[in-house]
Amino acid sequence: KGFTFNLMCVGASGIGKTTLFRTLFRQPLIDDPHPNRSEDVSLVTRQFDMKEANVNLKVTFIESRGFADQIDQTSSAKNIVEYLEKQFDVFLSEETKINRCLGSFHDSRVHACVYMISPTGHALYPID
């Protein structure tokens, strides 16, 4: 059956989230055209099946788009938090069913979140 690994990468636009994923998993991502700056924060999910040393690995890469691009950044994390909570709610719902089937259930909870901080500048921003 193999393993699943769900990786979320959050950071400002153009900081290298997609490049980090390409480097870690040696996967060429097909970039869909998107602007460098976005008016709102959205999440893009991509899934890949890999085989490493005869072990099947299903990798899900969740990338933030538009994070910290707004002037008012008070709600930048809102969509990200809602996504994380929704994944836990979906898993809890499946786990509490009388006739549950967790063996074939795709666990979409995030295993790791990489928060990328801009290497330029002299200090952290308030959103960091």
N, C-alpha and C. Protein backbone atom coordinates (compact mmCIF):
# COMPACT_ATOMS: atom_id res chain seq x y z
N LYS A 1 0.82 -1.20 0.00
CA LYS A 1 0.00 0.00 0.00
C LYS A 1 0.86 1.26 0.00
N GLY A 2 1.86 1.33 0.84
CA GLY A 2 2.73 2.49 0.86
C GLY A 2 2.34 3.51 1.90
N PHE A 3 2.87 4.69 1.75
CA PHE A 3 2.68 5.76 2.71
C PHE A 3 2.11 6.99 2.02
N THR A 4 1.49 7.84 2.81
CA THR A 4 1.06 9.15 2.32
C THR A 4 1.80 10.21 3.11
N PHE A 5 2.11 11.30 2.45
CA PHE A 5 2.76 12.43 3.11
C PHE A 5 2.15 13.70 2.55
N ASN A 6 1.58 14.51 3.43
CA ASN A 6 0.93 15.75 3.04
C ASN A 6 1.76 16.92 3.56
N LEU A 7 2.31 17.69 2.65
CA LEU A 7 3.19 18.80 2.98
C LEU A 7 2.55 20.11 2.57
N MET A 8 2.44 21.03 3.54
CA MET A 8 1.93 22.36 3.24
C MET A 8 3.11 23.33 3.28
N CYS A 9 3.13 24.24 2.32
CA CYS A 9 4.18 25.24 2.25
C CYS A 9 3.53 26.61 2.19
N VAL A 10 3.84 27.45 3.18
CA VAL A 10 3.24 28.77 3.30
C VAL A 10 4.34 29.81 3.25
N GLY A 11 4.09 30.88 2.51
CA GLY A 11 5.05 31.97 2.43
C GLY A 11 4.60 32.97 1.39
N ALA A 12 5.30 34.07 1.34
CA ALA A 12 4.96 35.13 0.40
C ALA A 12 5.16 34.66 -1.04
N SER A 13 4.52 35.32 -1.95
CA SER A 13 4.64 34.98 -3.37
C SER A 13 6.08 35.19 -3.84
N GLY A 14 6.57 34.25 -4.64
CA GLY A 14 7.90 34.37 -5.22
C GLY A 14 9.03 33.99 -4.30
N ILE A 15 8.74 33.41 -3.15
CA ILE A 15 9.80 33.10 -2.19
C ILE A 15 10.48 31.76 -2.47
N GLY A 16 9.83 30.89 -3.27
CA GLY A 16 10.45 29.63 -3.66
C GLY A 16 9.77 28.39 -3.13
N LYS A 17 8.48 28.46 -2.87
CA LYS A 17 7.75 27.30 -2.34
C LYS A 17 7.74 26.15 -3.34
N THR A 18 7.42 26.45 -4.59
CA THR A 18 7.38 25.42 -5.62
C THR A 18 8.77 24.86 -5.88
N THR A 19 9.77 25.70 -5.88
CA THR A 19 11.15 25.26 -6.09
C THR A 19 11.59 24.33 -4.97
N LEU A 20 11.20 24.63 -3.74
CA LEU A 20 11.53 23.76 -2.61
C LEU A 20 10.94 22.37 -2.82
N PHE A 21 9.69 22.32 -3.24
CA PHE A 21 9.05 21.03 -3.48
C PHE A 21 9.74 20.26 -4.60
N ARG A 22 10.03 20.96 -5.68
CA ARG A 22 10.73 20.32 -6.81
C ARG A 22 12.05 19.72 -6.36
N THR A 23 12.77 20.44 -5.51
CA THR A 23 14.07 19.99 -5.05
C THR A 23 13.94 18.81 -4.08
N LEU A 24 13.01 18.88 -3.15
CA LEU A 24 12.85 17.82 -2.16
C LEU A 24 12.42 16.49 -2.78
N PHE A 25 11.48 16.56 -3.69
CA PHE A 25 10.88 15.34 -4.22
C PHE A 25 11.25 15.05 -5.67
N ARG A 26 12.14 15.85 -6.23
CA ARG A 26 12.58 15.66 -7.61
C ARG A 26 11.40 15.46 -8.55
N GLN A 27 10.43 16.34 -8.42
CA GLN A 27 9.22 16.26 -9.23
C GLN A 27 9.08 17.53 -10.06
N PRO A 28 8.94 17.40 -11.35
CA PRO A 28 8.66 18.59 -12.16
C PRO A 28 7.19 18.94 -12.03
N LEU A 29 6.92 20.09 -11.49
CA LEU A 29 5.53 20.53 -11.36
C LEU A 29 5.11 21.23 -12.63
N ILE A 30 3.90 20.99 -13.03
CA ILE A 30 3.34 21.70 -14.18
C ILE A 30 2.73 22.98 -13.62
N ASP A 31 3.39 24.08 -13.89
CA ASP A 31 2.90 25.35 -13.36
C ASP A 31 1.72 25.82 -14.16
N ASP A 32 0.64 26.10 -13.44
CA ASP A 32 -0.48 26.73 -14.10
C ASP A 32 -0.24 28.23 -14.04
N PRO A 33 -0.66 28.95 -15.06
CA PRO A 33 -0.40 30.39 -15.05
C PRO A 33 -1.11 31.06 -13.88
N HIS A 34 -0.34 31.76 -13.08
CA HIS A 34 -0.93 32.48 -11.96
C HIS A 34 -0.11 33.75 -11.74
N PRO A 35 -0.77 34.79 -11.28
CA PRO A 35 -0.04 36.04 -11.04
C PRO A 35 0.85 35.90 -9.81
N ASN A 36 1.93 36.67 -9.80
CA ASN A 36 2.80 36.67 -8.63
C ASN A 36 2.10 37.22 -7.40
N ARG A 37 1.27 38.18 -7.60
CA ARG A 37 0.54 38.78 -6.48
C ARG A 37 -0.94 38.46 -6.63
N SER A 38 -1.58 38.20 -5.51
CA SER A 38 -2.98 37.83 -5.52
C SER A 38 -3.74 38.70 -4.53
N GLU A 39 -5.01 38.93 -4.82
CA GLU A 39 -5.82 39.75 -3.92
C GLU A 39 -6.25 38.99 -2.67
N ASP A 40 -6.34 37.68 -2.76
CA ASP A 40 -6.73 36.90 -1.60
C ASP A 40 -5.86 35.64 -1.50
N VAL A 41 -5.90 35.02 -0.33
CA VAL A 41 -5.10 33.84 -0.09
C VAL A 41 -5.87 32.61 -0.56
N SER A 42 -5.22 31.78 -1.34
CA SER A 42 -5.83 30.53 -1.78
C SER A 42 -4.81 29.41 -1.61
N LEU A 43 -5.31 28.19 -1.64
CA LEU A 43 -4.44 27.03 -1.52
C LEU A 43 -4.55 26.18 -2.77
N VAL A 44 -3.43 25.76 -3.30
CA VAL A 44 -3.38 24.91 -4.48
C VAL A 44 -2.84 23.56 -4.04
N THR A 45 -3.55 22.49 -4.38
CA THR A 45 -3.16 21.15 -3.97
C THR A 45 -2.76 20.33 -5.19
N ARG A 46 -1.61 19.67 -5.08
CA ARG A 46 -1.14 18.78 -6.15
C ARG A 46 -0.76 17.44 -5.53
N GLN A 47 -1.10 16.35 -6.21
CA GLN A 47 -0.77 15.02 -5.70
C GLN A 47 0.15 14.29 -6.68
N PHE A 48 1.08 13.53 -6.12
CA PHE A 48 2.03 12.76 -6.92
C PHE A 48 2.21 11.39 -6.30
N ASP A 49 2.32 10.39 -7.13
CA ASP A 49 2.66 9.04 -6.68
C ASP A 49 4.12 8.80 -7.03
N MET A 50 4.88 8.40 -6.02
CA MET A 50 6.30 8.17 -6.21
C MET A 50 6.65 6.77 -5.71
N LYS A 51 7.77 6.28 -6.15
CA LYS A 51 8.29 5.01 -5.65
C LYS A 51 9.75 5.22 -5.32
N GLU A 52 10.09 5.02 -4.07
CA GLU A 52 11.46 5.23 -3.60
C GLU A 52 11.90 3.96 -2.87
N ALA A 53 12.92 3.30 -3.37
CA ALA A 53 13.46 2.07 -2.77
C ALA A 53 12.35 1.04 -2.56
N ASN A 54 11.55 0.81 -3.61
CA ASN A 54 10.45 -0.15 -3.60
C ASN A 54 9.35 0.17 -2.59
N VAL A 55 9.26 1.42 -2.16
CA VAL A 55 8.20 1.86 -1.26
C VAL A 55 7.35 2.89 -2.00
N ASN A 56 6.06 2.63 -2.04
CA ASN A 56 5.14 3.57 -2.69
C ASN A 56 4.87 4.74 -1.75
N LEU A 57 4.92 5.94 -2.31
CA LEU A 57 4.70 7.15 -1.54
C LEU A 57 3.74 8.05 -2.31
N LYS A 58 2.66 8.41 -1.66
CA LYS A 58 1.70 9.34 -2.25
C LYS A 58 1.92 10.69 -1.57
N VAL A 59 2.42 11.65 -2.32
CA VAL A 59 2.76 12.96 -1.79
C VAL A 59 1.70 13.97 -2.22
N THR A 60 1.21 14.72 -1.26
CA THR A 60 0.30 15.82 -1.55
C THR A 60 1.01 17.11 -1.15
N PHE A 61 1.11 18.03 -2.08
CA PHE A 61 1.76 19.32 -1.84
C PHE A 61 0.69 20.39 -1.84
N ILE A 62 0.54 21.08 -0.71
CA ILE A 62 -0.43 22.15 -0.57
C ILE A 62 0.35 23.45 -0.50
N GLU A 63 0.14 24.31 -1.46
CA GLU A 63 0.90 25.56 -1.57
C GLU A 63 -0.03 26.76 -1.39
N SER A 64 0.42 27.72 -0.60
CA SER A 64 -0.37 28.95 -0.44
C SER A 64 -0.08 29.90 -1.58
N ARG A 65 -1.10 30.56 -2.04
CA ARG A 65 -0.96 31.60 -3.06
C ARG A 65 -1.51 32.90 -2.48
N GLY A 66 -0.76 33.95 -2.60
CA GLY A 66 -1.23 35.26 -2.16
C GLY A 66 -1.03 35.54 -0.69
N PHE A 67 -0.33 34.67 0.03
CA PHE A 67 -0.12 34.88 1.46
C PHE A 67 0.79 36.09 1.67
N ALA A 68 0.38 37.00 2.53
CA ALA A 68 1.14 38.21 2.90
C ALA A 68 1.31 39.18 1.74
N ASP A 69 0.50 39.07 0.70
CA ASP A 69 0.59 39.99 -0.43
C ASP A 69 -0.33 41.21 -0.26
N GLN A 70 -1.22 41.15 0.69
CA GLN A 70 -2.19 42.22 0.87
C GLN A 70 -1.62 43.31 1.78
N ILE A 71 -2.18 44.50 1.66
CA ILE A 71 -1.78 45.59 2.55
C ILE A 71 -2.27 45.29 3.96
N ASP A 72 -3.55 44.90 4.08
CA ASP A 72 -4.10 44.50 5.37
C ASP A 72 -3.96 42.98 5.48
N GLN A 73 -3.01 42.55 6.28
CA GLN A 73 -2.69 41.12 6.36
C GLN A 73 -3.35 40.42 7.54
N THR A 74 -4.31 41.06 8.17
CA THR A 74 -4.93 40.48 9.36
C THR A 74 -5.67 39.18 9.06
N SER A 75 -6.16 39.01 7.85
CA SER A 75 -6.90 37.79 7.54
C SER A 75 -6.13 36.87 6.59
N SER A 76 -4.83 37.07 6.44
CA SER A 76 -4.04 36.25 5.52
C SER A 76 -4.04 34.78 5.89
N ALA A 77 -4.04 34.48 7.17
CA ALA A 77 -3.97 33.08 7.61
C ALA A 77 -5.33 32.42 7.70
N LYS A 78 -6.40 33.16 7.50
CA LYS A 78 -7.76 32.63 7.69
C LYS A 78 -8.03 31.40 6.82
N ASN A 79 -7.77 31.48 5.52
CA ASN A 79 -8.04 30.35 4.62
C ASN A 79 -7.17 29.14 4.96
N ILE A 80 -5.96 29.40 5.41
CA ILE A 80 -5.06 28.30 5.76
C ILE A 80 -5.56 27.58 7.00
N VAL A 81 -5.95 28.34 8.02
CA VAL A 81 -6.48 27.74 9.24
C VAL A 81 -7.77 26.98 8.96
N GLU A 82 -8.63 27.56 8.13
CA GLU A 82 -9.89 26.88 7.77
C GLU A 82 -9.61 25.56 7.05
N TYR A 83 -8.63 25.54 6.16
CA TYR A 83 -8.27 24.32 5.44
C TYR A 83 -7.79 23.25 6.42
N LEU A 84 -6.89 23.63 7.33
CA LEU A 84 -6.36 22.67 8.30
C LEU A 84 -7.47 22.10 9.17
N GLU A 85 -8.36 22.97 9.65
CA GLU A 85 -9.46 22.51 10.50
C GLU A 85 -10.41 21.60 9.73
N LYS A 86 -10.65 21.91 8.46
CA LYS A 86 -11.54 21.09 7.65
C LYS A 86 -10.98 19.68 7.48
N GLN A 87 -9.66 19.56 7.29
CA GLN A 87 -9.06 18.24 7.12
C GLN A 87 -9.22 17.40 8.38
N PHE A 88 -9.08 18.03 9.55
CA PHE A 88 -9.28 17.31 10.81
C PHE A 88 -10.74 16.92 10.99
N ASP A 89 -11.65 17.81 10.59
CA ASP A 89 -13.08 17.51 10.69
C ASP A 89 -13.47 16.34 9.80
N VAL A 90 -12.94 16.30 8.58
CA VAL A 90 -13.23 15.20 7.65
C VAL A 90 -12.74 13.88 8.23
N PHE A 91 -11.54 13.89 8.79
CA PHE A 91 -10.98 12.66 9.37
C PHE A 91 -11.79 12.22 10.59
N LEU A 92 -12.15 13.17 11.45
CA LEU A 92 -12.94 12.85 12.64
C LEU A 92 -14.30 12.28 12.24
N SER A 93 -14.91 12.85 11.23
CA SER A 93 -16.19 12.36 10.75
C SER A 93 -16.09 10.91 10.28
N GLU A 94 -15.04 10.59 9.55
CA GLU A 94 -14.84 9.22 9.07
C GLU A 94 -14.54 8.28 10.23
N GLU A 95 -13.75 8.76 11.18
CA GLU A 95 -13.33 7.92 12.30
C GLU A 95 -14.49 7.59 13.24
N THR A 96 -15.47 8.46 13.33
CA THR A 96 -16.58 8.25 14.26
C THR A 96 -17.78 7.55 13.63
N LYS A 97 -17.68 7.18 12.36
CA LYS A 97 -18.77 6.44 11.72
C LYS A 97 -18.87 5.04 12.32
N ILE A 98 -20.06 4.51 12.32
CA ILE A 98 -20.26 3.14 12.82
C ILE A 98 -19.59 2.15 11.88
N ASN A 99 -19.81 2.30 10.60
CA ASN A 99 -19.18 1.43 9.59
C ASN A 99 -18.05 2.18 8.90
N ARG A 100 -16.99 2.40 9.62
CA ARG A 100 -15.88 3.16 9.04
C ARG A 100 -14.96 2.24 8.25
N CYS A 101 -14.28 2.86 7.32
CA CYS A 101 -13.34 2.11 6.47
C CYS A 101 -12.07 2.94 6.33
N LEU A 102 -11.32 3.03 7.42
CA LEU A 102 -10.12 3.85 7.43
C LEU A 102 -9.01 3.28 6.56
N GLY A 103 -9.09 2.00 6.23
CA GLY A 103 -8.06 1.39 5.38
C GLY A 103 -8.02 1.97 3.99
N SER A 104 -9.18 2.29 3.44
CA SER A 104 -9.23 2.86 2.09
C SER A 104 -9.46 4.37 2.11
N PHE A 105 -9.57 4.93 3.30
CA PHE A 105 -9.80 6.37 3.43
C PHE A 105 -8.51 7.14 3.18
N HIS A 106 -8.59 8.18 2.36
CA HIS A 106 -7.41 9.02 2.09
C HIS A 106 -7.30 10.07 3.20
N ASP A 107 -6.26 9.96 4.00
CA ASP A 107 -6.04 10.90 5.09
C ASP A 107 -5.42 12.17 4.52
N SER A 108 -6.18 13.25 4.54
CA SER A 108 -5.70 14.50 3.94
C SER A 108 -5.19 15.49 4.98
N ARG A 109 -5.04 15.04 6.23
CA ARG A 109 -4.49 15.94 7.25
C ARG A 109 -3.04 16.27 6.91
N VAL A 110 -2.64 17.48 7.20
CA VAL A 110 -1.29 17.95 6.88
C VAL A 110 -0.30 17.37 7.89
N HIS A 111 0.74 16.71 7.38
CA HIS A 111 1.75 16.12 8.24
C HIS A 111 2.83 17.11 8.63
N ALA A 112 3.15 18.02 7.72
CA ALA A 112 4.19 19.01 8.00
C ALA A 112 3.85 20.30 7.27
N CYS A 113 4.17 21.41 7.92
CA CYS A 113 3.96 22.72 7.31
C CYS A 113 5.28 23.48 7.35
N VAL A 114 5.73 23.88 6.19
CA VAL A 114 6.97 24.66 6.08
C VAL A 114 6.56 26.11 5.89
N TYR A 115 6.99 26.96 6.81
CA TYR A 115 6.70 28.39 6.72
C TYR A 115 7.97 29.08 6.26
N MET A 116 7.92 29.68 5.09
CA MET A 116 9.11 30.29 4.50
C MET A 116 9.14 31.79 4.81
N ILE A 117 10.25 32.21 5.38
CA ILE A 117 10.45 33.61 5.75
C ILE A 117 11.35 34.25 4.71
N SER A 118 11.03 35.46 4.34
CA SER A 118 11.80 36.17 3.33
C SER A 118 13.25 36.35 3.79
N PRO A 119 14.21 36.03 2.92
CA PRO A 119 15.61 36.17 3.30
C PRO A 119 16.10 37.62 3.24
N THR A 120 15.30 38.49 2.65
CA THR A 120 15.69 39.89 2.57
C THR A 120 15.00 40.68 3.66
N GLY A 121 15.54 41.82 3.97
CA GLY A 121 14.96 42.64 5.03
C GLY A 121 15.76 42.47 6.31
N HIS A 122 15.39 43.25 7.29
CA HIS A 122 16.17 43.27 8.52
C HIS A 122 15.45 42.65 9.70
N ALA A 123 14.18 42.35 9.55
CA ALA A 123 13.44 41.79 10.67
C ALA A 123 12.24 41.02 10.15
N LEU A 124 11.59 40.35 11.06
CA LEU A 124 10.35 39.66 10.71
C LEU A 124 9.23 40.68 10.56
N TYR A 125 8.30 40.36 9.71
CA TYR A 125 7.12 41.20 9.54
C TYR A 125 6.08 40.80 10.59
N PRO A 126 5.12 41.66 10.87
CA PRO A 126 4.10 41.32 11.88
C PRO A 126 3.39 40.00 11.59
N ILE A 127 3.17 39.67 10.33
CA ILE A 127 2.47 38.42 10.02
C ILE A 127 3.32 37.20 10.33
N ASP A 128 4.64 37.36 10.35
CA ASP A 128 5.54 36.24 10.66
C ASP A 128 5.44 35.90 12.14
